[in-house]
Amino acid sequence: MTDQVDNWHKLARYDTNIQGELHANLLRNNDISVSLQPLSAMPGMNSGIVLWVQDTDLAHAQKILDSIDKDAASLPEPNDNNGGTL
């Protein structure tokens, strides 16, 4: 029998809860067990969150998170020239 409490490793820390929950769901969709640790004990506080994963999933989870294009949100909008001018 193993003690699974000791098998969790800190994967990432996010400044906002929604960011952490989004990435946790991405990992869960890839069959990775994820535990979330809010950085505030008060419900509704958006003080950040830490993601924890089992040691057997650590490398796979890190590879998935590393593949996310973090600059996509800051890319310029394409020219949406629909033929009309205002």
PDB file of N, CA and C in Angstrom:
ATOM      1  N   MET A   1       0.844  -1.178   0.000  1.00  0.00           N
ATOM      2  CA  MET A   1       0.000   0.000   0.000  1.00  0.00           C
ATOM      3  C   MET A   1       0.892   1.246   0.000  1.00  0.00           C
ATOM      4  N   THR A   2       0.568   2.209  -0.849  1.00  0.00           N
ATOM      5  CA  THR A   2       1.357   3.431  -0.924  1.00  0.00           C
ATOM      6  C   THR A   2       0.578   4.592  -0.330  1.00  0.00           C
ATOM      7  N   ASP A   3       1.295   5.584   0.089  1.00  0.00           N
ATOM      8  CA  ASP A   3       0.681   6.786   0.626  1.00  0.00           C
ATOM      9  C   ASP A   3       0.559   7.801  -0.502  1.00  0.00           C
ATOM     10  N   GLN A   4      -0.631   7.916  -1.100  1.00  0.00           N
ATOM     11  CA  GLN A   4      -0.818   8.779  -2.257  1.00  0.00           C
ATOM     12  C   GLN A   4      -0.773  10.263  -1.913  1.00  0.00           C
ATOM     13  N   VAL A   5      -0.824  10.588  -0.639  1.00  0.00           N
ATOM     14  CA  VAL A   5      -0.748  11.988  -0.250  1.00  0.00           C
ATOM     15  C   VAL A   5       0.606  12.578  -0.657  1.00  0.00           C
ATOM     16  N   ASP A   6       1.652  11.774  -0.593  1.00  0.00           N
ATOM     17  CA  ASP A   6       2.991  12.253  -0.912  1.00  0.00           C
ATOM     18  C   ASP A   6       3.305  12.240  -2.403  1.00  0.00           C
ATOM     19  N   ASN A   7       2.376  11.802  -3.228  1.00  0.00           N
ATOM     20  CA  ASN A   7       2.628  11.675  -4.657  1.00  0.00           C
ATOM     21  C   ASN A   7       2.211  12.896  -5.466  1.00  0.00           C
ATOM     22  N   TRP A   8       1.801  13.970  -4.824  1.00  0.00           N
ATOM     23  CA  TRP A   8       1.360  15.170  -5.531  1.00  0.00           C
ATOM     24  C   TRP A   8       2.508  16.160  -5.663  1.00  0.00           C
ATOM     25  N   HIS A   9       2.591  16.795  -6.830  1.00  0.00           N
ATOM     26  CA  HIS A   9       3.643  17.781  -7.101  1.00  0.00           C
ATOM     27  C   HIS A   9       3.019  19.066  -7.621  1.00  0.00           C
ATOM     28  N   LYS A  10       3.584  20.180  -7.203  1.00  0.00           N
ATOM     29  CA  LYS A  10       3.114  21.486  -7.657  1.00  0.00           C
ATOM     30  C   LYS A  10       3.462  21.633  -9.132  1.00  0.00           C
ATOM     31  N   LEU A  11       2.455  21.887  -9.951  1.00  0.00           N
ATOM     32  CA  LEU A  11       2.664  22.022 -11.389  1.00  0.00           C
ATOM     33  C   LEU A  11       2.752  23.479 -11.812  1.00  0.00           C
ATOM     34  N   ALA A  12       1.815  24.299 -11.344  1.00  0.00           N
ATOM     35  CA  ALA A  12       1.783  25.696 -11.794  1.00  0.00           C
ATOM     36  C   ALA A  12       1.007  26.548 -10.796  1.00  0.00           C
ATOM     37  N   ARG A  13       1.292  27.841 -10.841  1.00  0.00           N
ATOM     38  CA  ARG A  13       0.560  28.822 -10.035  1.00  0.00           C
ATOM     39  C   ARG A  13       0.034  29.884 -10.989  1.00  0.00           C
ATOM     40  N   TYR A  14      -1.228  30.256 -10.796  1.00  0.00           N
ATOM     41  CA  TYR A  14      -1.862  31.257 -11.644  1.00  0.00           C
ATOM     42  C   TYR A  14      -2.347  32.419 -10.806  1.00  0.00           C
ATOM     43  N   ASP A  15      -2.284  33.623 -11.373  1.00  0.00           N
ATOM     44  CA  ASP A  15      -2.686  34.825 -10.653  1.00  0.00           C
ATOM     45  C   ASP A  15      -4.199  34.946 -10.512  1.00  0.00           C
ATOM     46  N   THR A  16      -4.938  34.303 -11.415  1.00  0.00           N
ATOM     47  CA  THR A  16      -6.390  34.350 -11.340  1.00  0.00           C
ATOM     48  C   THR A  16      -6.945  32.930 -11.255  1.00  0.00           C
ATOM     49  N   ASN A  17      -8.039  32.775 -10.546  1.00  0.00           N
ATOM     50  CA  ASN A  17      -8.658  31.465 -10.379  1.00  0.00           C
ATOM     51  C   ASN A  17      -9.155  30.904 -11.708  1.00  0.00           C
ATOM     52  N   ILE A  18      -9.718  31.763 -12.551  1.00  0.00           N
ATOM     53  CA  ILE A  18     -10.286  31.290 -13.809  1.00  0.00           C
ATOM     54  C   ILE A  18      -9.204  30.718 -14.723  1.00  0.00           C
ATOM     55  N   GLN A  19      -8.028  31.319 -14.703  1.00  0.00           N
ATOM     56  CA  GLN A  19      -6.903  30.803 -15.488  1.00  0.00           C
ATOM     57  C   GLN A  19      -6.528  29.401 -15.026  1.00  0.00           C
ATOM     58  N   GLY A  20      -6.421  29.225 -13.733  1.00  0.00           N
ATOM     59  CA  GLY A  20      -6.074  27.925 -13.180  1.00  0.00           C
ATOM     60  C   GLY A  20      -7.137  26.881 -13.446  1.00  0.00           C
ATOM     61  N   GLU A  21      -8.404  27.265 -13.302  1.00  0.00           N
ATOM     62  CA  GLU A  21      -9.493  26.330 -13.555  1.00  0.00           C
ATOM     63  C   GLU A  21      -9.554  25.931 -15.023  1.00  0.00           C
ATOM     64  N   LEU A  22      -9.278  26.868 -15.909  1.00  0.00           N
ATOM     65  CA  LEU A  22      -9.258  26.581 -17.345  1.00  0.00           C
ATOM     66  C   LEU A  22      -8.168  25.561 -17.684  1.00  0.00           C
ATOM     67  N   HIS A  23      -6.983  25.772 -17.148  1.00  0.00           N
ATOM     68  CA  HIS A  23      -5.885  24.840 -17.416  1.00  0.00           C
ATOM     69  C   HIS A  23      -6.110  23.497 -16.724  1.00  0.00           C
ATOM     70  N   ALA A  24      -6.726  23.513 -15.552  1.00  0.00           N
ATOM     71  CA  ALA A  24      -7.041  22.259 -14.863  1.00  0.00           C
ATOM     72  C   ALA A  24      -8.026  21.428 -15.690  1.00  0.00           C
ATOM     73  N   ASN A  25      -9.024  22.080 -16.271  1.00  0.00           N
ATOM     74  CA  ASN A  25      -9.983  21.364 -17.111  1.00  0.00           C
ATOM     75  C   ASN A  25      -9.321  20.814 -18.367  1.00  0.00           C
ATOM     76  N   LEU A  26      -8.381  21.545 -18.932  1.00  0.00           N
ATOM     77  CA  LEU A  26      -7.641  21.042 -20.084  1.00  0.00           C
ATOM     78  C   LEU A  26      -6.893  19.762 -19.718  1.00  0.00           C
ATOM     79  N   LEU A  27      -6.263  19.762 -18.562  1.00  0.00           N
ATOM     80  CA  LEU A  27      -5.534  18.573 -18.119  1.00  0.00           C
ATOM     81  C   LEU A  27      -6.494  17.419 -17.818  1.00  0.00           C
ATOM     82  N   ARG A  28      -7.609  17.730 -17.191  1.00  0.00           N
ATOM     83  CA  ARG A  28      -8.596  16.680 -16.898  1.00  0.00           C
ATOM     84  C   ARG A  28      -9.145  16.063 -18.180  1.00  0.00           C
ATOM     85  N   ASN A  29      -9.315  16.872 -19.219  1.00  0.00           N
ATOM     86  CA  ASN A  29      -9.774  16.353 -20.506  1.00  0.00           C
ATOM     87  C   ASN A  29      -8.745  15.423 -21.142  1.00  0.00           C
ATOM     88  N   ASN A  30      -7.510  15.478 -20.653  1.00  0.00           N
ATOM     89  CA  ASN A  30      -6.445  14.592 -21.120  1.00  0.00           C
ATOM     90  C   ASN A  30      -6.161  13.489 -20.100  1.00  0.00           C
ATOM     91  N   ASP A  31      -7.153  13.172 -19.280  1.00  0.00           N
ATOM     92  CA  ASP A  31      -7.085  12.083 -18.288  1.00  0.00           C
ATOM     93  C   ASP A  31      -5.984  12.256 -17.249  1.00  0.00           C
ATOM     94  N   ILE A  32      -5.758  13.492 -16.834  1.00  0.00           N
ATOM     95  CA  ILE A  32      -4.778  13.786 -15.790  1.00  0.00           C
ATOM     96  C   ILE A  32      -5.526  14.245 -14.545  1.00  0.00           C
ATOM     97  N   SER A  33      -5.236  13.630 -13.412  1.00  0.00           N
ATOM     98  CA  SER A  33      -5.857  14.033 -12.148  1.00  0.00           C
ATOM     99  C   SER A  33      -5.221  15.332 -11.674  1.00  0.00           C
ATOM    100  N   VAL A  34      -6.065  16.312 -11.368  1.00  0.00           N
ATOM    101  CA  VAL A  34      -5.590  17.630 -10.959  1.00  0.00           C
ATOM    102  C   VAL A  34      -6.273  18.021  -9.655  1.00  0.00           C
ATOM    103  N   SER A  35      -5.503  18.585  -8.752  1.00  0.00           N
ATOM    104  CA  SER A  35      -6.045  19.139  -7.520  1.00  0.00           C
ATOM    105  C   SER A  35      -5.789  20.639  -7.533  1.00  0.00           C
ATOM    106  N   LEU A  36      -6.803  21.421  -7.163  1.00  0.00           N
ATOM    107  CA  LEU A  36      -6.677  22.876  -7.140  1.00  0.00           C
ATOM    108  C   LEU A  36      -6.570  23.370  -5.706  1.00  0.00           C
ATOM    109  N   GLN A  37      -5.659  24.293  -5.477  1.00  0.00           N
ATOM    110  CA  GLN A  37      -5.482  24.901  -4.155  1.00  0.00           C
ATOM    111  C   GLN A  37      -5.649  26.409  -4.286  1.00  0.00           C
ATOM    112  N   PRO A  38      -6.821  26.934  -3.917  1.00  0.00           N
ATOM    113  CA  PRO A  38      -7.003  28.395  -3.952  1.00  0.00           C
ATOM    114  C   PRO A  38      -6.047  29.070  -2.968  1.00  0.00           C
ATOM    115  N   LEU A  39      -5.591  30.244  -3.310  1.00  0.00           N
ATOM    116  CA  LEU A  39      -4.650  30.963  -2.448  1.00  0.00           C
ATOM    117  C   LEU A  39      -5.344  31.873  -1.452  1.00  0.00           C
ATOM    118  N   SER A  40      -6.668  31.811  -1.423  1.00  0.00           N
ATOM    119  CA  SER A  40      -7.436  32.550  -0.425  1.00  0.00           C
ATOM    120  C   SER A  40      -8.494  31.623   0.144  1.00  0.00           C
ATOM    121  N   ALA A  41      -8.695  31.692   1.452  1.00  0.00           N
ATOM    122  CA  ALA A  41      -9.703  30.853   2.096  1.00  0.00           C
ATOM    123  C   ALA A  41     -11.095  31.450   1.987  1.00  0.00           C
ATOM    124  N   MET A  42     -11.179  32.690   1.518  1.00  0.00           N
ATOM    125  CA  MET A  42     -12.473  33.358   1.414  1.00  0.00           C
ATOM    126  C   MET A  42     -13.076  33.088   0.037  1.00  0.00           C
ATOM    127  N   PRO A  43     -14.281  32.534  -0.019  1.00  0.00           N
ATOM    128  CA  PRO A  43     -14.930  32.286  -1.308  1.00  0.00           C
ATOM    129  C   PRO A  43     -15.118  33.583  -2.089  1.00  0.00           C
ATOM    130  N   GLY A  44     -14.901  33.511  -3.385  1.00  0.00           N
ATOM    131  CA  GLY A  44     -15.093  34.676  -4.240  1.00  0.00           C
ATOM    132  C   GLY A  44     -13.863  35.551  -4.398  1.00  0.00           C
ATOM    133  N   MET A  45     -12.859  35.337  -3.583  1.00  0.00           N
ATOM    134  CA  MET A  45     -11.634  36.122  -3.727  1.00  0.00           C
ATOM    135  C   MET A  45     -10.833  35.569  -4.896  1.00  0.00           C
ATOM    136  N   ASN A  46     -10.435  36.421  -5.789  1.00  0.00           N
ATOM    137  CA  ASN A  46      -9.701  36.004  -6.976  1.00  0.00           C
ATOM    138  C   ASN A  46      -8.212  36.233  -6.755  1.00  0.00           C
ATOM    139  N   SER A  47      -7.655  35.522  -5.783  1.00  0.00           N
ATOM    140  CA  SER A  47      -6.272  35.768  -5.385  1.00  0.00           C
ATOM    141  C   SER A  47      -5.288  34.788  -5.995  1.00  0.00           C
ATOM    142  N   GLY A  48      -5.755  33.919  -6.870  1.00  0.00           N
ATOM    143  CA  GLY A  48      -4.859  32.973  -7.514  1.00  0.00           C
ATOM    144  C   GLY A  48      -5.126  31.548  -7.086  1.00  0.00           C
ATOM    145  N   ILE A  49      -4.450  30.632  -7.774  1.00  0.00           N
ATOM    146  CA  ILE A  49      -4.682  29.213  -7.543  1.00  0.00           C
ATOM    147  C   ILE A  49      -3.433  28.428  -7.926  1.00  0.00           C
ATOM    148  N   VAL A  50      -3.214  27.304  -7.255  1.00  0.00           N
ATOM    149  CA  VAL A  50      -2.082  26.423  -7.549  1.00  0.00           C
ATOM    150  C   VAL A  50      -2.631  25.092  -8.049  1.00  0.00           C
ATOM    151  N   LEU A  51      -2.020  24.558  -9.100  1.00  0.00           N
ATOM    152  CA  LEU A  51      -2.392  23.251  -9.635  1.00  0.00           C
ATOM    153  C   LEU A  51      -1.403  22.210  -9.147  1.00  0.00           C
ATOM    154  N   TRP A  52      -1.934  21.075  -8.672  1.00  0.00           N
ATOM    155  CA  TRP A  52      -1.136  19.961  -8.204  1.00  0.00           C
ATOM    156  C   TRP A  52      -1.504  18.731  -9.028  1.00  0.00           C
ATOM    157  N   VAL A  53      -0.520  17.915  -9.399  1.00  0.00           N
ATOM    158  CA  VAL A  53      -0.771  16.686 -10.148  1.00  0.00           C
ATOM    159  C   VAL A  53       0.010  15.533  -9.521  1.00  0.00           C
ATOM    160  N   GLN A  54      -0.439  14.317  -9.802  1.00  0.00           N
ATOM    161  CA  GLN A  54       0.254  13.123  -9.333  1.00  0.00           C
ATOM    162  C   GLN A  54       1.613  13.026 -10.024  1.00  0.00           C
ATOM    163  N   ASP A  55       2.586  12.415  -9.339  1.00  0.00           N
ATOM    164  CA  ASP A  55       3.932  12.322  -9.910  1.00  0.00           C
ATOM    165  C   ASP A  55       3.957  11.527 -11.214  1.00  0.00           C
ATOM    166  N   THR A  56       3.034  10.583 -11.389  1.00  0.00           N
ATOM    167  CA  THR A  56       3.002   9.790 -12.623  1.00  0.00           C
ATOM    168  C   THR A  56       2.519  10.613 -13.811  1.00  0.00           C
ATOM    169  N   ASP A  57       1.805  11.721 -13.557  1.00  0.00           N
ATOM    170  CA  ASP A  57       1.275  12.572 -14.627  1.00  0.00           C
ATOM    171  C   ASP A  57       2.065  13.863 -14.812  1.00  0.00           C
ATOM    172  N   LEU A  58       3.063  14.082 -13.996  1.00  0.00           N
ATOM    173  CA  LEU A  58       3.761  15.372 -13.983  1.00  0.00           C
ATOM    174  C   LEU A  58       4.368  15.736 -15.332  1.00  0.00           C
ATOM    175  N   ALA A  59       5.114  14.846 -15.950  1.00  0.00           N
ATOM    176  CA  ALA A  59       5.774  15.154 -17.228  1.00  0.00           C
ATOM    177  C   ALA A  59       4.755  15.408 -18.333  1.00  0.00           C
ATOM    178  N   HIS A  60       3.711  14.582 -18.392  1.00  0.00           N
ATOM    179  CA  HIS A  60       2.688  14.752 -19.423  1.00  0.00           C
ATOM    180  C   HIS A  60       1.941  16.070 -19.231  1.00  0.00           C
ATOM    181  N   ALA A  61       1.606  16.405 -17.987  1.00  0.00           N
ATOM    182  CA  ALA A  61       0.897  17.646 -17.694  1.00  0.00           C
ATOM    183  C   ALA A  61       1.755  18.858 -18.053  1.00  0.00           C
ATOM    184  N   GLN A  62       3.034  18.810 -17.733  1.00  0.00           N
ATOM    185  CA  GLN A  62       3.929  19.923 -18.059  1.00  0.00           C
ATOM    186  C   GLN A  62       4.044  20.104 -19.563  1.00  0.00           C
ATOM    187  N   LYS A  63       4.093  19.004 -20.295  1.00  0.00           N
ATOM    188  CA  LYS A  63       4.174  19.062 -21.759  1.00  0.00           C
ATOM    189  C   LYS A  63       2.913  19.717 -22.342  1.00  0.00           C
ATOM    190  N   ILE A  64       1.756  19.378 -21.794  1.00  0.00           N
ATOM    191  CA  ILE A  64       0.503  19.975 -22.273  1.00  0.00           C
ATOM    192  C   ILE A  64       0.479  21.475 -21.994  1.00  0.00           C
ATOM    193  N   LEU A  65       0.842  21.870 -20.779  1.00  0.00           N
ATOM    194  CA  LEU A  65       0.835  23.298 -20.438  1.00  0.00           C
ATOM    195  C   LEU A  65       1.867  24.075 -21.247  1.00  0.00           C
ATOM    196  N   ASP A  66       3.007  23.460 -21.528  1.00  0.00           N
ATOM    197  CA  ASP A  66       4.037  24.131 -22.324  1.00  0.00           C
ATOM    198  C   ASP A  66       3.607  24.329 -23.774  1.00  0.00           C
ATOM    199  N   SER A  67       2.655  23.521 -24.249  1.00  0.00           N
ATOM    200  CA  SER A  67       2.216  23.625 -25.637  1.00  0.00           C
ATOM    201  C   SER A  67       1.186  24.729 -25.854  1.00  0.00           C
ATOM    202  N   ILE A  68       0.700  25.350 -24.775  1.00  0.00           N
ATOM    203  CA  ILE A  68      -0.298  26.412 -24.896  1.00  0.00           C
ATOM    204  C   ILE A  68       0.381  27.682 -25.387  1.00  0.00           C
ATOM    205  N   ASP A  69      -0.209  28.296 -26.415  1.00  0.00           N
ATOM    206  CA  ASP A  69       0.311  29.546 -26.968  1.00  0.00           C
ATOM    207  C   ASP A  69      -0.128  30.693 -26.071  1.00  0.00           C
ATOM    208  N   LYS A  70       0.760  31.148 -25.218  1.00  0.00           N
ATOM    209  CA  LYS A  70       0.430  32.183 -24.246  1.00  0.00           C
ATOM    210  C   LYS A  70       0.328  33.570 -24.874  1.00  0.00           C
ATOM    211  N   ASP A  71       0.860  33.745 -26.087  1.00  0.00           N
ATOM    212  CA  ASP A  71       0.822  35.041 -26.747  1.00  0.00           C
ATOM    213  C   ASP A  71      -0.395  35.202 -27.649  1.00  0.00           C
ATOM    214  N   ALA A  72      -1.230  34.181 -27.778  1.00  0.00           N
ATOM    215  CA  ALA A  72      -2.366  34.245 -28.693  1.00  0.00           C
ATOM    216  C   ALA A  72      -3.335  35.361 -28.319  1.00  0.00           C
ATOM    217  N   ALA A  73      -3.491  35.630 -27.038  1.00  0.00           N
ATOM    218  CA  ALA A  73      -4.426  36.665 -26.610  1.00  0.00           C
ATOM    219  C   ALA A  73      -3.947  38.056 -26.995  1.00  0.00           C
ATOM    220  N   SER A  74      -2.666  38.233 -27.225  1.00  0.00           N
ATOM    221  CA  SER A  74      -2.150  39.561 -27.541  1.00  0.00           C
ATOM    222  C   SER A  74      -1.877  39.754 -29.027  1.00  0.00           C
ATOM    223  N   LEU A  75      -2.247  38.786 -29.843  1.00  0.00           N
ATOM    224  CA  LEU A  75      -2.036  38.931 -31.279  1.00  0.00           C
ATOM    225  C   LEU A  75      -2.993  39.976 -31.842  1.00  0.00           C
ATOM    226  N   PRO A  76      -2.561  40.729 -32.857  1.00  0.00           N
ATOM    227  CA  PRO A  76      -3.451  41.735 -33.438  1.00  0.00           C
ATOM    228  C   PRO A  76      -4.611  41.068 -34.178  1.00  0.00           C
ATOM    229  N   GLU A  77      -5.732  41.761 -34.216  1.00  0.00           N
ATOM    230  CA  GLU A  77      -6.895  41.271 -34.937  1.00  0.00           C
ATOM    231  C   GLU A  77      -6.607  41.291 -36.439  1.00  0.00           C
ATOM    232  N   PRO A  78      -7.072  40.277 -37.171  1.00  0.00           N
ATOM    233  CA  PRO A  78      -6.887  40.304 -38.620  1.00  0.00           C
ATOM    234  C   PRO A  78      -7.730  41.414 -39.233  1.00  0.00           C
ATOM    235  N   ASN A  79      -7.317  41.890 -40.393  1.00  0.00           N
ATOM    236  CA  ASN A  79      -8.053  42.933 -41.081  1.00  0.00           C
ATOM    237  C   ASN A  79      -9.378  42.354 -41.564  1.00  0.00           C
ATOM    238  N   ASP A  80     -10.462  42.817 -40.980  1.00  0.00           N
ATOM    239  CA  ASP A  80     -11.792  42.311 -41.308  1.00  0.00           C
ATOM    240  C   ASP A  80     -12.451  43.228 -42.321  1.00  0.00           C
ATOM    241  N   ASN A  81     -11.908  43.253 -43.507  1.00  0.00           N
ATOM    242  CA  ASN A  81     -12.441  44.103 -44.550  1.00  0.00           C
ATOM    243  C   ASN A  81     -13.571  43.345 -45.251  1.00  0.00           C
ATOM    244  N   ASN A  82     -14.788  43.707 -44.901  1.00  0.00           N
ATOM    245  CA  ASN A  82     -15.944  43.017 -45.477  1.00  0.00           C
ATOM    246  C   ASN A  82     -16.480  43.729 -46.714  1.00  0.00           C
ATOM    247  N   GLY A  83     -15.714  44.626 -47.260  1.00  0.00           N
ATOM    248  CA  GLY A  83     -16.120  45.303 -48.491  1.00  0.00           C
ATOM    249  C   GLY A  83     -16.769  46.635 -48.280  1.00  0.00           C
ATOM    250  N   GLY A  84     -17.098  46.958 -47.067  1.00  0.00           N
ATOM    251  CA  GLY A  84     -17.759  48.239 -46.809  1.00  0.00           C
ATOM    252  C   GLY A  84     -16.872  49.159 -45.999  1.00  0.00           C
ATOM    253  N   THR A  85     -17.172  50.442 -46.062  1.00  0.00           N
ATOM    254  CA  THR A  85     -16.449  51.423 -45.262  1.00  0.00           C
ATOM    255  C   THR A  85     -17.445  52.244 -44.480  1.00  0.00           C
ATOM    256  N   LEU A  86     -17.012  52.699 -43.349  1.00  0.00           N
ATOM    257  CA  LEU A  86     -17.865  53.536 -42.514  1.00  0.00           C
ATOM    258  C   LEU A  86     -17.376  54.949 -42.522  1.00  0.00           C
TER     259      LEU A  86
END
